[in-house]
Protein backbone atom coordinates (compact mmCIF):
# COMPACT_ATOMS: atom_id res chain seq x y z
CA UNK A 1 -51.99 -54.02 29.39
CA UNK A 2 -52.89 -57.31 31.37
CA UNK A 3 -51.60 -57.40 34.77
CA UNK A 4 -49.23 -60.23 35.56
CA UNK A 5 -50.10 -63.43 36.63
CA UNK A 6 -49.58 -65.03 39.55
CA UNK A 7 -46.35 -67.40 39.46
CA UNK A 8 -45.06 -70.41 40.93
CA UNK A 9 -41.73 -71.98 39.81
CA UNK A 10 -41.36 -76.00 40.84
CA UNK A 11 -37.79 -75.59 41.40
CA UNK A 12 -34.45 -77.57 41.92
CA UNK A 13 -31.50 -75.69 42.53
CA UNK A 14 -29.12 -78.36 41.09
CA UNK A 15 -30.99 -78.48 37.94
CA UNK A 16 -32.03 -76.61 34.58
CA UNK A 17 -33.97 -74.40 36.89
CA UNK A 18 -31.36 -72.58 38.29
CA UNK A 19 -31.53 -70.76 35.08
CA UNK A 20 -35.04 -69.77 35.63
CA UNK A 21 -34.62 -68.49 38.95
CA UNK A 22 -31.76 -66.02 37.49
CA UNK A 23 -34.42 -64.78 34.74
CA UNK A 24 -36.70 -64.36 37.31
CA UNK A 25 -33.86 -61.48 39.46
CA UNK A 26 -32.94 -60.45 35.87
CA UNK A 27 -37.26 -59.46 35.52
CA UNK A 28 -37.58 -58.35 38.78
CA UNK A 29 -41.33 -60.66 38.59
CA UNK A 30 -42.49 -61.75 41.84
CA UNK A 31 -42.89 -65.94 41.95
CA UNK A 32 -43.33 -68.44 44.54
CA UNK A 33 -40.80 -70.84 45.08
CA UNK A 34 -41.79 -74.60 45.70
CA UNK A 35 -38.52 -77.02 46.20
CA UNK A 36 -38.46 -80.17 44.50
CA UNK A 37 -36.57 -83.41 46.09
CA UNK A 38 -36.22 -85.53 43.37
CA UNK A 39 -36.48 -88.58 45.26
CA UNK A 40 -39.90 -87.27 46.33
CA UNK A 41 -41.51 -85.42 43.78
CA UNK A 42 -44.64 -83.33 45.07
CA UNK A 43 -48.15 -84.36 43.78
CA UNK A 44 -48.49 -81.03 42.68
CA UNK A 45 -45.52 -81.16 40.31
CA UNK A 46 -47.42 -84.34 38.69
CA UNK A 47 -50.40 -83.23 38.18
CA UNK A 48 -49.19 -80.14 36.61
CA UNK A 49 -46.37 -81.79 34.65
CA UNK A 50 -46.80 -85.69 34.53
CA UNK A 51 -43.00 -85.64 33.35
CA UNK A 52 -42.06 -84.46 36.79
CA UNK A 53 -39.76 -82.40 35.24
CA UNK A 54 -38.37 -78.71 36.35
CA UNK A 55 -38.73 -76.25 36.14
CA UNK A 56 -42.46 -76.54 35.82
CA UNK A 57 -44.21 -72.76 36.02
CA UNK A 58 -47.50 -72.17 37.09
CA UNK A 59 -49.21 -68.78 35.66
CA UNK A 60 -52.46 -68.14 37.25
CA UNK A 61 -53.80 -71.91 36.47
CA UNK A 62 -51.81 -72.47 33.30
CA UNK A 63 -49.26 -74.62 33.09
CA UNK A 64 -46.23 -73.74 31.46
CA UNK A 65 -43.52 -76.20 31.18
CA UNK A 66 -40.06 -76.72 29.01
CA UNK A 67 -37.09 -74.53 29.48
CA UNK A 68 -37.15 -72.52 26.17
CA UNK A 69 -40.91 -71.80 26.64
CA UNK A 70 -40.41 -70.71 30.00
CA UNK A 71 -37.59 -68.25 29.52
CA UNK A 72 -39.50 -66.61 26.36
CA UNK A 73 -42.94 -66.60 28.23
CA UNK A 74 -41.65 -65.08 31.59
CA UNK A 75 -38.87 -62.57 29.03
CA UNK A 76 -42.70 -61.03 27.53
CA UNK A 77 -44.06 -60.36 31.23
CA UNK A 78 -41.80 -57.75 31.46
CA UNK A 79 -41.23 -55.91 28.50
CA UNK A 80 -39.99 -53.10 30.27
CA UNK A 81 -36.47 -54.88 31.09
CA UNK A 82 -36.02 -55.43 27.09
CA UNK A 83 -34.51 -58.81 27.41
CA UNK A 84 -37.10 -60.09 24.80
CA UNK A 85 -36.53 -58.32 21.19
CA UNK A 86 -40.36 -56.91 20.21
CA UNK A 87 -41.93 -58.10 16.39
CA UNK A 88 -40.27 -55.42 14.01
CA UNK A 89 -36.95 -55.46 15.75
CA UNK A 90 -34.17 -56.77 13.51
CA UNK A 91 -32.80 -58.90 16.72
CA UNK A 92 -36.00 -60.50 17.10
CA UNK A 93 -35.12 -63.54 14.64
CA UNK A 94 -31.51 -64.27 15.59
CA UNK A 95 -32.99 -64.11 19.06
CA UNK A 96 -35.52 -66.70 18.58
CA UNK A 97 -32.87 -68.91 16.74
CA UNK A 98 -30.49 -68.36 19.68
CA UNK A 99 -33.26 -69.94 22.25
CA UNK A 100 -34.30 -72.44 19.83
CA UNK A 101 -30.77 -73.27 18.47
CA UNK A 102 -29.76 -74.44 22.49
CA UNK A 103 -33.06 -76.86 22.88
CA UNK A 104 -32.92 -78.42 19.50
CA UNK A 105 -29.33 -78.66 18.89
CA UNK A 106 -26.81 -77.66 21.57
CA UNK A 107 -28.43 -79.48 24.34
CA UNK A 108 -29.26 -82.85 22.38
CA UNK A 109 -25.30 -82.63 21.08
CA UNK A 110 -24.14 -82.27 25.21
CA UNK A 111 -26.05 -85.35 26.26
CA UNK A 112 -24.87 -87.30 23.61
CA UNK A 113 -21.46 -86.49 24.14
CA UNK A 114 -21.68 -87.21 28.03
CA UNK A 115 -23.52 -90.19 27.86
CA UNK A 116 -20.86 -91.63 24.94
CA UNK A 117 -23.36 -91.83 22.46
CA UNK A 118 -23.28 -91.76 18.53
CA UNK A 119 -25.79 -89.03 17.28
CA UNK A 120 -26.34 -90.65 14.10
CA UNK A 121 -25.26 -90.11 10.63
CA UNK A 122 -25.40 -86.03 9.96
CA UNK A 123 -28.54 -86.35 7.86
CA UNK A 124 -30.28 -87.85 10.61
CA UNK A 125 -28.85 -86.13 13.68
CA UNK A 126 -30.78 -83.06 15.27
CA UNK A 127 -27.65 -81.02 15.18
CA UNK A 128 -24.78 -82.80 12.44
CA UNK A 129 -22.00 -83.17 14.77
CA UNK A 130 -21.04 -82.13 18.12
CA UNK A 131 -17.87 -80.58 16.96
CA UNK A 132 -19.96 -78.40 14.58
CA UNK A 133 -22.48 -77.36 17.32
CA UNK A 134 -19.51 -76.50 19.59
CA UNK A 135 -17.50 -74.45 16.73
CA UNK A 136 -21.05 -72.62 16.09
CA UNK A 137 -21.13 -71.49 19.73
CA UNK A 138 -17.63 -70.46 19.94
CA UNK A 139 -17.78 -68.15 16.68
CA UNK A 140 -21.02 -66.52 18.19
CA UNK A 141 -19.30 -65.85 21.63
CA UNK A 142 -16.49 -64.30 19.70
CA UNK A 143 -18.35 -61.77 18.88
CA UNK A 144 -19.33 -60.54 22.56
CA UNK A 145 -20.13 -59.59 24.68
CA UNK A 146 -23.17 -61.39 24.24
CA UNK A 147 -24.85 -63.59 22.33
CA UNK A 148 -26.18 -61.05 20.03
CA UNK A 149 -23.53 -58.73 20.50
CA UNK A 150 -23.69 -55.37 22.94
CA UNK A 151 -27.06 -56.49 23.78
CA UNK A 152 -28.35 -58.52 26.77
CA UNK A 153 -31.23 -60.88 26.14
CA UNK A 154 -32.95 -63.61 27.88
CA UNK A 155 -30.81 -66.07 25.43
CA UNK A 156 -27.96 -65.11 27.78
CA UNK A 157 -28.87 -66.30 30.70
CA UNK A 158 -30.18 -69.75 29.08
CA UNK A 159 -26.68 -70.13 27.58
CA UNK A 160 -24.86 -68.49 30.57
CA UNK A 161 -26.22 -70.57 33.28
CA UNK A 162 -25.95 -73.58 30.86
CA UNK A 163 -22.39 -73.13 29.36
CA UNK A 164 -21.31 -72.70 33.23
CA UNK A 165 -22.29 -76.45 34.27
CA UNK A 166 -21.48 -77.57 30.85
CA UNK A 167 -17.84 -76.34 31.35
CA UNK A 168 -17.82 -77.21 34.76
CA UNK A 169 -18.30 -80.94 33.82
CA UNK A 170 -15.71 -81.08 31.23
CA UNK A 171 -18.12 -81.04 28.35
CA UNK A 172 -16.93 -78.42 26.60
CA UNK A 173 -14.01 -77.12 26.66
CA UNK A 174 -13.77 -73.26 28.46
CA UNK A 175 -11.83 -71.65 25.52
CA UNK A 176 -11.16 -67.71 26.11
CA UNK A 177 -14.38 -66.69 24.66
CA UNK A 178 -15.92 -69.15 26.39
CA UNK A 179 -14.41 -68.25 29.54
CA UNK A 180 -14.80 -64.81 28.95
CA UNK A 181 -18.42 -64.81 28.55
CA UNK A 182 -19.08 -66.98 31.71
CA UNK A 183 -17.08 -64.74 33.57
CA UNK A 184 -19.26 -61.63 32.59
CA UNK A 185 -22.42 -63.42 32.93
CA UNK A 186 -21.44 -64.41 36.67
CA UNK A 187 -20.91 -61.24 37.48
CA UNK A 188 -24.14 -59.95 37.09
CA UNK A 189 -26.07 -59.19 40.15
CA UNK A 190 -29.10 -61.04 39.60
CA UNK A 191 -26.87 -64.18 39.18
CA UNK A 192 -25.12 -63.57 42.21
CA UNK A 193 -28.50 -62.98 43.83
CA UNK A 194 -30.15 -66.10 42.51
CA UNK A 195 -27.27 -68.48 43.22
CA UNK A 196 -27.08 -67.15 47.24
CA UNK A 197 -30.76 -68.07 46.70
CA UNK A 198 -30.02 -71.75 45.55
CA UNK A 199 -27.35 -72.40 47.97
CA UNK A 200 -29.56 -71.95 50.82
CA UNK A 201 -32.33 -73.82 49.12
CA UNK A 202 -29.74 -76.45 48.01
CA UNK A 203 -29.11 -76.61 51.97
CA UNK A 204 -32.51 -77.38 53.05
CA UNK A 205 -32.77 -80.61 50.48
CA UNK A 206 -29.74 -81.75 51.78
């Protein structure tokens, strides 16, 4: 078994990176945190990721960027936590679909909605229609308590953290199944711990 690499996360508590911090707490993985002020991005971040985006993760000398890639990379570093269904597990396919669906369809749909942009014709759009995406999410969550049913996975960290701010900004209605999912997620000890740390870090950046 290989040892866990030394981890460093470029992080801003008021960004998508907040979900990665929650995942680190869930997995109990040690990770150095470098806070990123968006008005003065550190050279180390720009050297690792020229796009200057957070989250960006360093694992020893390897750069792991893009939210979905980081979620899966970290989940597989701690197999004992069972947050990523293994090869051969019947939930492996639905789990990977949950990750990909978020990045390829849900977030683009929400960004277009926020910007009041037309996503294009259904045949050309990456997600079809905003209404179809939202309906899919509501249907999936109604099967609860988690995205894959009874099993909590790293996909729930991605969806739970994201739906929290998506509904907070009014981009998606907090219907009963969505509200119940968010409430369950926010009650998890790792979420409470990560958000307390983020509140302290946000004060440092203020």
